[in-house]
Amino acid sequence: MSPQLSLSKATVLGFIMIQAFSLLIWPAWSQAQQGEAEVSVAQGVLAYGQQRYSDALPHFLRAVELDARNVRAHYYTGLTYLALKKPEQAIAPLDTARQLRPSDPDIRFQLGVAYFSIKDYDKAGQFLEGIYQETPDRENLGYYVGVSRYQDKKYSEAVEAFDKTVTTDSNLQQLTRFYRGLALGVLGLPQEAIAELEAAQRIQAVSPISSASIRIRDELLATRRVTETQRFRAQISLGGYYDDNVAINPNSQSINNPAQQLTLNSLRSRETTSPGMLASVLLDYAFFRKGPMEATATYSFFQTLNFHDNLNKFNLQNHLVGLSGFYRGVAHTMPYQVGLQYTYDYLFLDMDGFLSRHTPTLSGTLIPPSFTVPVIGTVQNLTNVLVRYQVKQFFREPADNDPRFQSESRDAYNIMTGFVHAFRFLQDKILLRIGYQYDNEAADGGAFSYRGNRLLTGGQVTMPWGNLTLRYDYDVHWRDYKNAQTLFTNANGNFVRRDDTQQTHLVQLIKPLPYNLTFTAQYQHIRNGSNIPVYDYTKNVFTGLVTWTY
């Protein structure tokens, strides 16, 4: 027998043995893999049901690795990505599940939702329309189909779908009413459209709250007067105000889009003027002092109360706690201070959580040498630079419960850097300030991400009679938004990038009184100009308050 023939027979024999081994072992091994995959799916479903989506995802991905034809593993992988607000990544596993089980309506529904979430309304409609024909009363389905039809300019069909919407989600109820009103406006039914838009407002009274409205509290913090020697400092303020635009109603404009004009008119018709009361408490305690170092703990409270009953939902309450550390020294005959501060504040709107902020700030203060100017005399200087990082989380946002509205989420990271330089005359009886700040806001929703440039100017004069102090501050904040708007259009009816210029004028008259009291009369004018009419507004606030300082 030749060596070649012997090798050939051995090869054939080995192949037969491998095949036999595979036929005996492979089914058992494959069955074990499938069983292990089901265990992973079960563990993932448990975590998913507890809303621990980040913990659930690895279990579903492991199940897919073990059994690529496990429909539940692919389906729940897609659902988890949707819950994690990653609809782009949800499409592939949901589409795989659909291919494995083409007739399953739940899979087709969630795949349509995923495409809806990334604003691919054509593909969303391909899946959602078929389900709508079979079960139009399915939870939330009418809304998705209605918006998809609205985007396709099928306004009559959109209204029909909105009419059949069944949902228990208050956010979707409001948005359904809102889009139905827009569609009715386009169809030339203004009275019905206005009624629908007003109904949408009644479902959930959430309105844009300008950060400038909260700056009254910040101004109170900035104008406190304390001595450097005492460890404990307290400041209590109580006063009243008149606000002519509590609800931040937009200014009157004429725009080309009939539906958006109806929305604008409806927002402008809201009650928005109200007198009110405000109270503020500030507590500081320097718990550590040693040489050039100091550490301070801070707590502040701020409350507004609108007297107009319809505007109670805009009452603000803010609590802030913070820790600050400072180091003081001298560099080349120039005194300086370096500080690191962390604050956390929580804002309530009508006693419901509205906004929380984590804010670490690094600051530096330098007193450069003085110089002499003819006629004016000696001019002293003070320069402050800072870098601030802020994490903002808004509550009661539609995007918190529904990833389809992620583009409108205001949760954000903001980093700001800038400086303010003060020129000091006559032992600080006259102060002039000028500064610049740059900030970049990266919001979860692309519609609210922007780059900002702020110019700060101001002056302060202590009068020769009555120790009166007159202060004026003016700042202008240019905000260049990074992405096109997704809900509101410009005056021509187009979804474009928002471009805002906010100007703030602040005038204060400060009068010291006996018993450590100070009276402050204040006027604040805010003019926010925007190419998106719904964000274009004007606000005037007149405030009078008495402050006691310890």
Protein backbone atom coordinates (compact mmCIF):
# COMPACT_ATOMS: atom_id res chain seq x y z
CA MET A 1 0.00 0.00 0.00
CA SER A 2 1.39 3.35 -1.02
CA PRO A 3 1.94 6.09 1.57
CA GLN A 4 -0.36 8.42 -0.34
CA LEU A 5 -3.24 5.96 -0.19
CA SER A 6 -2.78 5.37 3.53
CA LEU A 7 -2.87 9.13 4.17
CA SER A 8 -6.04 9.52 2.14
CA LYS A 9 -7.82 6.82 4.10
CA ALA A 10 -6.71 8.37 7.37
CA THR A 11 -8.03 11.74 6.31
CA VAL A 12 -11.40 10.27 5.36
CA LEU A 13 -11.59 8.39 8.61
CA GLY A 14 -10.76 11.51 10.63
CA PHE A 15 -13.40 13.51 8.79
CA ILE A 16 -16.00 10.82 9.52
CA MET A 17 -15.08 10.86 13.21
CA ILE A 18 -15.33 14.67 13.39
CA GLN A 19 -18.74 14.61 11.73
CA ALA A 20 -19.97 11.96 14.11
CA PHE A 21 -18.62 13.94 17.06
CA SER A 22 -20.36 17.08 15.81
CA LEU A 23 -23.66 15.30 15.36
CA LEU A 24 -23.49 14.03 18.92
CA ILE A 25 -22.06 17.08 20.72
CA TRP A 26 -23.21 20.16 18.75
CA PRO A 27 -26.98 19.99 19.52
CA ALA A 28 -26.27 19.77 23.25
CA TRP A 29 -23.74 22.61 23.12
CA SER A 30 -26.09 24.78 21.03
CA GLN A 31 -28.96 24.11 23.41
CA ALA A 32 -26.75 25.13 26.34
CA GLN A 33 -25.87 28.38 24.55
CA GLN A 34 -29.53 29.14 23.99
CA GLY A 35 -30.33 28.38 27.60
CA GLU A 36 -27.58 30.69 28.81
CA ALA A 37 -28.89 33.38 26.46
CA GLU A 38 -32.38 33.10 27.96
CA VAL A 39 -30.90 33.48 31.44
CA SER A 40 -29.13 36.69 30.31
CA VAL A 41 -32.36 38.00 28.80
CA ALA A 42 -34.23 37.29 32.04
CA GLN A 43 -31.58 39.13 34.08
CA GLY A 44 -31.73 42.06 31.67
CA VAL A 45 -35.54 42.23 31.77
CA LEU A 46 -35.40 42.39 35.57
CA ALA A 47 -32.98 45.34 35.47
CA TYR A 48 -35.00 46.99 32.68
CA GLY A 49 -38.19 46.74 34.73
CA GLN A 50 -36.40 48.56 37.57
CA GLN A 51 -35.32 51.28 35.10
CA ARG A 52 -31.65 50.36 35.56
CA TYR A 53 -31.08 50.60 31.83
CA SER A 54 -27.28 50.83 31.93
CA ASP A 55 -27.21 47.60 33.98
CA ALA A 56 -29.71 45.87 31.69
CA LEU A 57 -27.90 46.53 28.41
CA PRO A 58 -24.85 44.23 28.97
CA HIS A 59 -27.19 41.29 29.69
CA PHE A 60 -29.06 41.76 26.40
CA LEU A 61 -25.83 42.21 24.42
CA ARG A 62 -24.45 39.03 26.01
CA ALA A 63 -27.62 37.16 25.04
CA VAL A 64 -27.21 38.28 21.42
CA GLU A 65 -23.62 36.98 21.42
CA LEU A 66 -24.77 33.60 22.71
CA ASP A 67 -27.80 33.27 20.44
CA ALA A 68 -27.95 35.56 17.41
CA ARG A 69 -31.53 34.42 16.64
CA ASN A 70 -32.97 35.25 20.05
CA VAL A 71 -35.76 37.69 19.18
CA ARG A 72 -36.32 38.89 22.74
CA ALA A 73 -32.64 39.73 23.14
CA HIS A 74 -32.65 41.93 20.03
CA TYR A 75 -36.00 43.49 20.95
CA TYR A 76 -34.99 44.43 24.47
CA THR A 77 -31.62 45.69 23.26
CA GLY A 78 -33.51 48.16 21.09
CA LEU A 79 -35.89 49.13 23.90
CA THR A 80 -32.95 49.74 26.23
CA TYR A 81 -31.20 52.00 23.72
CA LEU A 82 -34.45 53.96 23.39
CA ALA A 83 -34.67 54.29 27.17
CA LEU A 84 -31.04 55.47 27.25
CA LYS A 85 -31.97 58.15 24.66
CA LYS A 86 -29.84 56.55 21.96
CA PRO A 87 -32.42 55.93 19.21
CA GLU A 88 -29.77 55.68 16.47
CA GLN A 89 -28.37 52.57 18.17
CA ALA A 90 -31.83 51.12 18.75
CA ILE A 91 -32.63 50.77 15.06
CA ALA A 92 -30.26 47.88 14.19
CA PRO A 93 -31.38 45.44 16.94
CA LEU A 94 -35.06 46.27 16.43
CA ASP A 95 -34.72 45.74 12.67
CA THR A 96 -33.02 42.38 13.31
CA ALA A 97 -35.89 41.40 15.59
CA ARG A 98 -38.37 42.43 12.88
CA GLN A 99 -36.61 40.27 10.30
CA LEU A 100 -36.72 37.30 12.68
CA ARG A 101 -40.41 37.90 13.49
CA PRO A 102 -41.96 40.04 10.72
CA SER A 103 -45.57 39.82 11.95
CA ASP A 104 -44.94 41.05 15.51
CA PRO A 105 -46.71 44.47 15.88
CA ASP A 106 -44.78 45.44 19.02
CA ILE A 107 -41.45 45.13 17.24
CA ARG A 108 -42.68 47.12 14.23
CA PHE A 109 -44.13 49.76 16.54
CA GLN A 110 -40.89 50.27 18.48
CA LEU A 111 -38.87 50.34 15.26
CA GLY A 112 -41.17 53.08 13.99
CA VAL A 113 -40.68 54.98 17.25
CA ALA A 114 -36.89 54.70 16.85
CA TYR A 115 -37.04 56.21 13.35
CA PHE A 116 -39.48 58.85 14.64
CA SER A 117 -36.99 59.76 17.38
CA ILE A 118 -34.26 60.54 14.86
CA LYS A 119 -36.78 62.53 12.79
CA ASP A 120 -36.78 60.09 9.87
CA TYR A 121 -40.54 60.46 9.50
CA ASP A 122 -40.73 58.68 6.14
CA LYS A 123 -39.33 55.42 7.53
CA ALA A 124 -41.28 55.85 10.75
CA GLY A 125 -44.47 56.12 8.73
CA GLN A 126 -43.70 52.90 6.84
CA PHE A 127 -44.00 50.94 10.09
CA LEU A 128 -46.45 53.04 12.08
CA GLU A 129 -49.08 53.53 9.35
CA GLY A 130 -49.58 49.78 8.98
CA ILE A 131 -50.10 49.33 12.71
CA TYR A 132 -52.39 52.37 12.75
CA GLN A 133 -54.66 50.74 10.15
CA GLU A 134 -54.87 47.61 12.31
CA THR A 135 -55.16 49.16 15.80
CA PRO A 136 -55.59 52.95 15.68
CA ASP A 137 -56.34 53.11 19.42
CA ARG A 138 -52.94 51.73 20.41
CA GLU A 139 -51.32 53.76 23.22
CA ASN A 140 -49.50 56.86 21.85
CA LEU A 141 -49.75 55.65 18.24
CA GLY A 142 -52.08 58.39 17.02
CA TYR A 143 -49.62 61.06 18.11
CA TYR A 144 -46.69 59.50 16.23
CA VAL A 145 -48.73 59.00 13.07
CA GLY A 146 -50.18 62.51 13.34
CA VAL A 147 -46.80 64.20 13.64
CA SER A 148 -45.39 62.09 10.78
CA ARG A 149 -48.31 63.16 8.57
CA TYR A 150 -47.93 66.77 9.71
CA GLN A 151 -44.26 66.72 8.67
CA ASP A 152 -45.37 65.33 5.32
CA LYS A 153 -47.82 68.28 5.00
CA LYS A 154 -50.84 65.95 5.15
CA TYR A 155 -52.67 68.22 7.57
CA SER A 156 -56.20 66.79 7.31
CA GLU A 157 -54.89 63.25 7.81
CA ALA A 158 -52.76 64.49 10.71
CA VAL A 159 -55.82 65.94 12.48
CA GLU A 160 -57.61 62.62 11.99
CA ALA A 161 -54.73 60.76 13.68
CA PHE A 162 -54.53 63.27 16.53
CA ASP A 163 -58.26 62.81 17.14
CA LYS A 164 -57.68 59.08 17.65
CA THR A 165 -54.72 59.49 20.00
CA VAL A 166 -54.98 57.52 23.21
CA THR A 167 -52.36 58.41 25.83
CA THR A 168 -52.02 58.84 29.57
CA ASP A 169 -48.77 60.83 29.26
CA SER A 170 -49.44 64.50 30.06
CA ASN A 171 -46.48 65.58 27.90
CA LEU A 172 -47.88 63.73 24.88
CA GLN A 173 -51.36 65.06 25.62
CA GLN A 174 -50.00 68.60 25.52
CA LEU A 175 -47.95 68.00 22.37
CA THR A 176 -50.88 66.30 20.64
CA ARG A 177 -53.03 69.35 21.31
CA PHE A 178 -50.20 71.63 20.23
CA TYR A 179 -49.61 69.95 16.85
CA ARG A 180 -53.32 69.54 16.26
CA GLY A 181 -53.66 73.30 16.75
CA LEU A 182 -50.86 73.95 14.26
CA ALA A 183 -52.50 71.68 11.70
CA LEU A 184 -55.89 73.34 12.16
CA GLY A 185 -54.27 76.74 11.68
CA VAL A 186 -52.75 75.66 8.38
CA LEU A 187 -56.14 74.30 7.31
CA GLY A 188 -57.65 77.77 7.80
CA LEU A 189 -59.56 77.11 11.02
CA PRO A 190 -58.16 79.81 13.32
CA GLN A 191 -60.82 79.67 16.05
CA GLU A 192 -60.49 75.91 16.43
CA ALA A 193 -56.69 76.23 16.35
CA ILE A 194 -56.64 78.87 19.11
CA ALA A 195 -58.94 76.76 21.30
CA GLU A 196 -56.64 73.76 20.86
CA LEU A 197 -53.50 75.72 21.66
CA GLU A 198 -55.12 77.17 24.79
CA ALA A 199 -56.12 73.66 25.84
CA ALA A 200 -52.51 72.57 25.39
CA GLN A 201 -51.38 75.31 27.77
CA ARG A 202 -53.88 74.21 30.43
CA ILE A 203 -52.59 70.65 30.44
CA GLN A 204 -49.14 71.64 31.74
CA ALA A 205 -48.13 75.17 32.66
CA VAL A 206 -44.43 75.01 31.75
CA SER A 207 -42.93 78.15 30.24
CA PRO A 208 -39.36 79.16 29.39
CA ILE A 209 -37.87 80.76 32.53
CA SER A 210 -35.18 83.24 31.64
CA SER A 211 -32.00 82.90 33.65
CA ALA A 212 -32.09 86.69 33.88
CA SER A 213 -35.23 86.41 36.06
CA ILE A 214 -33.24 84.48 38.62
CA ARG A 215 -30.45 87.04 38.55
CA ILE A 216 -32.33 89.23 41.08
CA ARG A 217 -31.12 86.76 43.68
CA ASP A 218 -27.60 86.90 42.26
CA GLU A 219 -27.64 90.70 42.51
CA LEU A 220 -28.63 90.43 46.17
CA LEU A 221 -25.64 88.17 46.74
CA ALA A 222 -23.34 90.54 44.86
CA THR A 223 -24.33 93.65 46.84
CA ARG A 224 -23.85 92.24 50.36
CA ARG A 225 -21.70 94.27 52.71
CA VAL A 226 -19.70 92.41 55.33
CA THR A 227 -16.57 92.98 57.37
CA GLU A 228 -13.50 90.81 56.92
CA THR A 229 -12.80 90.20 60.61
CA GLN A 230 -15.90 88.33 61.69
CA ARG A 231 -16.37 84.65 61.03
CA PHE A 232 -20.16 84.53 60.86
CA ARG A 233 -22.04 86.76 58.43
CA ALA A 234 -25.75 87.01 57.88
CA GLN A 235 -27.94 89.00 55.52
CA ILE A 236 -31.72 89.01 55.41
CA SER A 237 -33.66 90.90 52.73
CA LEU A 238 -37.38 91.50 52.40
CA GLY A 239 -39.15 93.56 49.78
CA GLY A 240 -41.68 93.89 47.03
CA TYR A 241 -41.59 94.10 43.26
CA TYR A 242 -43.66 94.68 40.17
CA ASP A 243 -42.94 92.46 37.15
CA ASP A 244 -44.56 93.24 33.82
CA ASN A 245 -43.70 89.89 32.20
CA VAL A 246 -43.67 87.10 34.77
CA ALA A 247 -44.58 84.39 32.23
CA ILE A 248 -42.00 85.58 29.65
CA ASN A 249 -44.63 86.27 26.99
CA PRO A 250 -43.07 86.97 23.58
CA ASN A 251 -43.21 90.36 21.90
CA SER A 252 -45.76 91.04 19.19
CA GLN A 253 -44.56 90.18 15.69
CA SER A 254 -46.08 89.42 12.32
CA ILE A 255 -44.79 86.18 10.85
CA ASN A 256 -45.51 84.34 7.63
CA ASN A 257 -46.37 80.96 9.13
CA PRO A 258 -50.09 81.02 10.11
CA ALA A 259 -49.75 78.19 12.62
CA GLN A 260 -46.79 79.80 14.35
CA GLN A 261 -48.58 83.15 14.35
CA LEU A 262 -51.44 81.50 16.21
CA THR A 263 -48.99 80.03 18.70
CA LEU A 264 -47.36 83.43 19.20
CA ASN A 265 -50.70 85.18 19.67
CA SER A 266 -51.83 82.52 22.12
CA LEU A 267 -48.67 82.88 24.22
CA ARG A 268 -49.00 86.67 24.20
CA SER A 269 -52.57 86.45 25.49
CA ARG A 270 -51.50 84.91 28.82
CA GLU A 271 -51.70 86.89 32.06
CA THR A 272 -48.16 88.06 32.81
CA THR A 273 -48.09 91.24 34.95
CA SER A 274 -48.07 91.02 38.73
CA PRO A 275 -46.85 92.72 41.88
CA GLY A 276 -45.21 90.45 44.38
CA MET A 277 -42.97 89.94 47.39
CA LEU A 278 -39.47 88.56 47.63
CA ALA A 279 -37.32 87.36 50.52
CA SER A 280 -33.68 86.43 50.67
CA VAL A 281 -31.44 84.93 53.37
CA LEU A 282 -27.67 84.60 53.13
CA LEU A 283 -25.51 82.87 55.76
CA ASP A 284 -21.69 82.65 55.62
CA TYR A 285 -19.39 81.04 58.15
CA ALA A 286 -15.58 81.06 57.91
CA PHE A 287 -14.92 77.73 59.61
CA PHE A 288 -11.19 77.74 58.88
CA ARG A 289 -8.66 80.57 59.02
CA LYS A 290 -4.94 80.14 59.18
CA GLY A 291 -2.44 82.61 57.80
CA PRO A 292 -3.29 83.44 54.19
CA MET A 293 -5.89 80.67 53.91
CA GLU A 294 -9.60 80.73 54.63
CA ALA A 295 -12.49 78.34 54.04
CA THR A 296 -16.15 79.34 54.15
CA ALA A 297 -19.49 77.54 54.12
CA THR A 298 -22.47 79.30 52.56
CA TYR A 299 -26.22 78.87 52.50
CA SER A 300 -28.72 81.11 50.74
CA PHE A 301 -32.48 81.11 50.31
CA PHE A 302 -34.52 83.09 47.79
CA GLN A 303 -38.29 83.26 47.34
CA THR A 304 -40.67 85.20 45.12
CA LEU A 305 -44.44 85.33 45.56
CA ASN A 306 -46.65 86.70 42.79
CA PHE A 307 -49.88 88.28 44.00
CA HIS A 308 -51.75 87.46 40.78
CA ASP A 309 -53.48 84.09 41.31
CA ASN A 310 -52.99 83.00 37.71
CA LEU A 311 -49.23 83.50 38.07
CA ASN A 312 -48.66 81.49 41.25
CA LYS A 313 -47.26 78.73 39.08
CA PHE A 314 -44.28 81.02 38.40
CA ASN A 315 -43.38 81.52 42.07
CA LEU A 316 -39.67 80.79 42.52
CA GLN A 317 -37.88 79.27 45.47
CA ASN A 318 -34.15 78.61 45.44
CA HIS A 319 -31.87 76.94 47.96
CA LEU A 320 -28.09 77.14 47.58
CA VAL A 321 -25.28 75.57 49.59
CA GLY A 322 -21.61 76.07 48.92
CA LEU A 323 -18.03 75.69 50.09
CA SER A 324 -15.28 78.19 49.26
CA GLY A 325 -11.55 78.21 49.84
CA PHE A 326 -9.25 81.24 49.43
CA TYR A 327 -5.52 81.88 49.46
CA ARG A 328 -4.20 85.44 49.70
CA GLY A 329 -0.69 86.62 48.93
CA VAL A 330 1.51 89.21 47.26
CA ALA A 331 3.32 88.84 43.92
CA HIS A 332 5.79 91.57 42.95
CA THR A 333 4.09 94.04 45.31
CA MET A 334 0.66 93.20 43.84
CA PRO A 335 -1.85 91.66 46.28
CA TYR A 336 -3.79 88.70 44.91
CA GLN A 337 -6.33 86.14 45.95
CA VAL A 338 -6.99 82.71 44.47
CA GLY A 339 -10.29 81.04 45.23
CA LEU A 340 -12.03 77.74 44.55
CA GLN A 341 -15.76 77.51 45.14
CA TYR A 342 -18.38 74.82 44.74
CA THR A 343 -22.11 75.49 44.97
CA TYR A 344 -25.19 73.39 44.52
CA ASP A 345 -28.57 75.02 44.14
CA TYR A 346 -32.06 73.66 43.61
CA LEU A 347 -34.83 75.77 42.13
CA PHE A 348 -38.52 75.13 42.72
CA LEU A 349 -41.24 76.46 40.43
CA ASP A 350 -44.51 76.64 42.38
CA MET A 351 -42.94 74.21 44.89
CA ASP A 352 -42.19 71.60 42.22
CA GLY A 353 -38.60 70.81 41.32
CA PHE A 354 -37.61 72.73 38.21
CA LEU A 355 -33.80 73.02 38.00
CA SER A 356 -30.67 71.89 39.85
CA ARG A 357 -27.14 73.15 39.24
CA HIS A 358 -23.69 71.98 40.28
CA THR A 359 -21.22 74.87 39.89
CA PRO A 360 -17.48 74.67 40.60
CA THR A 361 -15.68 77.99 40.01
CA LEU A 362 -11.99 78.86 39.99
CA SER A 363 -11.30 82.57 40.43
CA GLY A 364 -8.36 84.89 40.79
CA THR A 365 -8.26 88.51 41.95
CA LEU A 366 -5.28 90.78 41.37
CA ILE A 367 -4.73 94.40 42.44
CA PRO A 368 -2.33 95.90 39.86
CA PRO A 369 -0.33 99.08 40.62
CA SER A 370 -2.18 102.39 40.56
CA PHE A 371 -1.47 105.11 38.05
CA THR A 372 -2.10 108.85 37.81
CA VAL A 373 -4.29 110.62 35.27
CA PRO A 374 -4.20 114.44 34.90
CA VAL A 375 -7.18 116.21 36.46
CA ILE A 376 -8.66 112.87 37.65
CA GLY A 377 -5.79 111.97 39.93
CA THR A 378 -4.82 108.51 41.21
CA VAL A 379 -6.59 105.54 39.63
CA GLN A 380 -6.49 102.20 41.40
CA ASN A 381 -7.27 98.88 39.74
CA LEU A 382 -8.76 95.52 40.53
CA THR A 383 -8.96 92.62 38.09
CA ASN A 384 -10.97 89.45 38.59
CA VAL A 385 -10.72 86.40 36.31
CA LEU A 386 -12.73 83.23 36.62
CA VAL A 387 -13.43 79.88 35.04
CA ARG A 388 -16.79 78.36 35.87
CA TYR A 389 -18.16 74.94 35.03
CA GLN A 390 -21.85 74.24 35.52
CA VAL A 391 -24.02 71.16 35.23
CA LYS A 392 -27.71 71.96 34.83
CA GLN A 393 -30.53 69.46 35.12
CA PHE A 394 -34.10 70.47 34.38
CA PHE A 395 -37.07 68.51 35.66
CA ARG A 396 -40.56 67.95 34.20
CA GLU A 397 -39.15 68.03 30.66
CA PRO A 398 -40.82 65.96 27.92
CA ALA A 399 -37.43 64.50 27.02
CA ASP A 400 -37.11 62.99 30.50
CA ASN A 401 -39.86 60.50 29.71
CA ASP A 402 -39.80 60.41 25.93
CA PRO A 403 -36.56 60.24 23.90
CA ARG A 404 -38.34 61.56 20.80
CA PHE A 405 -38.10 65.08 22.24
CA GLN A 406 -34.44 64.86 23.10
CA SER A 407 -33.69 67.84 20.83
CA GLU A 408 -35.71 70.08 23.20
CA SER A 409 -33.97 68.95 26.40
CA ARG A 410 -32.36 71.81 28.33
CA ASP A 411 -30.12 69.63 30.52
CA ALA A 412 -26.67 70.99 29.84
CA TYR A 413 -23.03 71.47 30.68
CA ASN A 414 -21.82 75.05 30.55
CA ILE A 415 -18.27 76.29 30.76
CA MET A 416 -17.60 79.99 31.10
CA THR A 417 -14.41 81.99 31.33
CA GLY A 418 -13.93 85.72 31.55
CA PHE A 419 -12.69 88.73 33.42
CA VAL A 420 -13.91 91.98 34.95
CA HIS A 421 -11.62 94.95 35.52
CA ALA A 422 -12.59 97.79 37.88
CA PHE A 423 -11.10 101.28 37.84
CA ARG A 424 -11.31 102.78 41.33
CA PHE A 425 -11.32 106.52 42.02
CA LEU A 426 -11.33 108.59 45.24
CA GLN A 427 -10.99 105.64 47.63
CA ASP A 428 -13.69 103.66 45.84
CA LYS A 429 -16.24 106.47 45.83
CA ILE A 430 -16.33 106.08 42.07
CA LEU A 431 -16.01 102.71 40.34
CA LEU A 432 -16.05 101.88 36.64
CA ARG A 433 -16.24 98.26 35.48
CA ILE A 434 -15.70 96.56 32.17
CA GLY A 435 -15.44 92.86 31.40
CA TYR A 436 -15.91 90.07 28.93
CA GLN A 437 -17.07 86.47 29.24
CA TYR A 438 -17.23 83.56 26.84
CA ASP A 439 -19.43 80.57 27.54
CA ASN A 440 -20.22 77.37 25.71
CA GLU A 441 -23.37 75.43 26.54
CA ALA A 442 -23.58 71.80 25.48
CA ALA A 443 -27.23 70.83 26.01
CA ASP A 444 -28.65 67.33 25.67
CA GLY A 445 -31.08 68.89 23.21
CA GLY A 446 -29.38 70.35 20.18
CA ALA A 447 -31.92 73.18 20.02
CA PHE A 448 -30.49 74.69 23.22
CA SER A 449 -26.73 74.33 22.63
CA TYR A 450 -24.99 77.63 22.00
CA ARG A 451 -21.78 79.65 22.07
CA GLY A 452 -22.05 82.93 23.93
CA ASN A 453 -20.14 86.18 24.21
CA ARG A 454 -21.00 88.63 26.97
CA LEU A 455 -19.85 92.23 27.39
CA LEU A 456 -20.17 93.63 30.92
CA THR A 457 -19.99 97.33 31.77
CA GLY A 458 -21.05 99.39 34.73
CA GLY A 459 -20.32 102.09 37.21
CA GLN A 460 -20.96 103.07 40.80
CA VAL A 461 -20.91 106.46 42.51
CA THR A 462 -21.19 107.27 46.21
CA MET A 463 -22.92 110.62 46.53
CA PRO A 464 -21.52 113.37 48.79
CA TRP A 465 -24.87 113.65 50.63
CA GLY A 466 -26.66 110.96 52.60
CA ASN A 467 -24.05 108.33 51.74
CA LEU A 468 -26.27 107.35 48.81
CA THR A 469 -24.79 104.94 46.25
CA LEU A 470 -25.99 104.93 42.67
CA ARG A 471 -25.09 101.88 40.60
CA TYR A 472 -25.70 101.09 36.94
CA ASP A 473 -24.79 97.85 35.16
CA TYR A 474 -25.29 96.98 31.54
CA ASP A 475 -24.46 93.69 29.91
CA VAL A 476 -25.19 92.25 26.50
CA HIS A 477 -25.08 88.52 25.83
CA TRP A 478 -24.82 87.28 22.24
CA ARG A 479 -25.85 83.63 21.94
CA ASP A 480 -25.14 81.80 18.71
CA TYR A 481 -27.04 78.52 18.79
CA LYS A 482 -25.28 75.60 17.16
CA ASN A 483 -28.20 73.70 15.60
CA ALA A 484 -31.44 74.44 13.82
CA GLN A 485 -34.58 74.73 15.92
CA THR A 486 -36.90 71.71 15.93
CA LEU A 487 -40.17 73.09 17.30
CA PHE A 488 -40.46 76.81 16.56
CA THR A 489 -39.71 78.54 13.26
CA ASN A 490 -38.42 81.98 12.35
CA ALA A 491 -40.67 84.72 10.93
CA ASN A 492 -40.54 83.08 7.50
CA GLY A 493 -41.69 79.70 8.79
CA ASN A 494 -38.28 78.00 8.51
CA PHE A 495 -36.48 75.85 11.08
CA VAL A 496 -33.21 77.74 11.40
CA ARG A 497 -30.52 78.24 14.01
CA ARG A 498 -31.56 80.54 16.82
CA ASP A 499 -29.63 83.79 17.21
CA ASP A 500 -30.30 85.77 20.41
CA THR A 501 -29.01 89.07 21.77
CA GLN A 502 -29.99 89.69 25.37
CA GLN A 503 -29.45 93.13 26.86
CA THR A 504 -29.85 93.73 30.58
CA HIS A 505 -29.94 97.14 32.26
CA LEU A 506 -29.77 97.29 36.04
CA VAL A 507 -30.10 100.52 38.04
CA GLN A 508 -29.79 100.54 41.84
CA LEU A 509 -30.07 103.25 44.47
CA ILE A 510 -28.64 102.10 47.82
CA LYS A 511 -29.21 104.01 51.05
CA PRO A 512 -27.64 102.89 54.39
CA LEU A 513 -30.03 103.09 57.37
CA PRO A 514 -29.51 102.80 61.13
CA TYR A 515 -29.29 99.39 62.87
CA ASN A 516 -27.32 97.75 60.06
CA LEU A 517 -30.19 98.21 57.62
CA THR A 518 -29.92 99.14 53.95
CA PHE A 519 -32.67 100.19 51.57
CA THR A 520 -32.28 99.33 47.87
CA ALA A 521 -34.47 100.55 45.04
CA GLN A 522 -33.82 98.65 41.83
CA TYR A 523 -34.99 98.67 38.23
CA GLN A 524 -34.14 95.88 35.79
CA HIS A 525 -34.89 95.95 32.07
CA ILE A 526 -34.30 92.87 29.94
CA ARG A 527 -34.62 92.87 26.17
CA ASN A 528 -34.02 89.52 24.52
CA GLY A 529 -34.00 89.88 20.75
CA SER A 530 -34.29 86.62 18.85
CA ASN A 531 -34.78 85.56 15.25
CA ILE A 532 -37.21 82.94 16.61
CA PRO A 533 -40.27 85.04 17.53
CA VAL A 534 -41.40 82.87 20.45
CA TYR A 535 -38.12 83.65 22.26
CA ASP A 536 -38.22 87.38 21.56
CA TYR A 537 -39.39 89.15 24.72
CA THR A 538 -39.09 92.24 26.94
CA LYS A 539 -39.22 92.29 30.74
CA ASN A 540 -39.24 95.10 33.33
CA VAL A 541 -38.95 94.54 37.07
CA PHE A 542 -39.18 97.27 39.74
CA THR A 543 -37.95 96.20 43.17
CA GLY A 544 -37.72 97.79 46.61
CA LEU A 545 -36.19 95.93 49.54
CA VAL A 546 -34.74 96.36 53.00
CA THR A 547 -31.65 94.37 54.00
CA TRP A 548 -30.38 93.68 57.50
CA THR A 549 -26.72 92.72 57.78
CA TYR A 550 -24.94 91.12 60.71
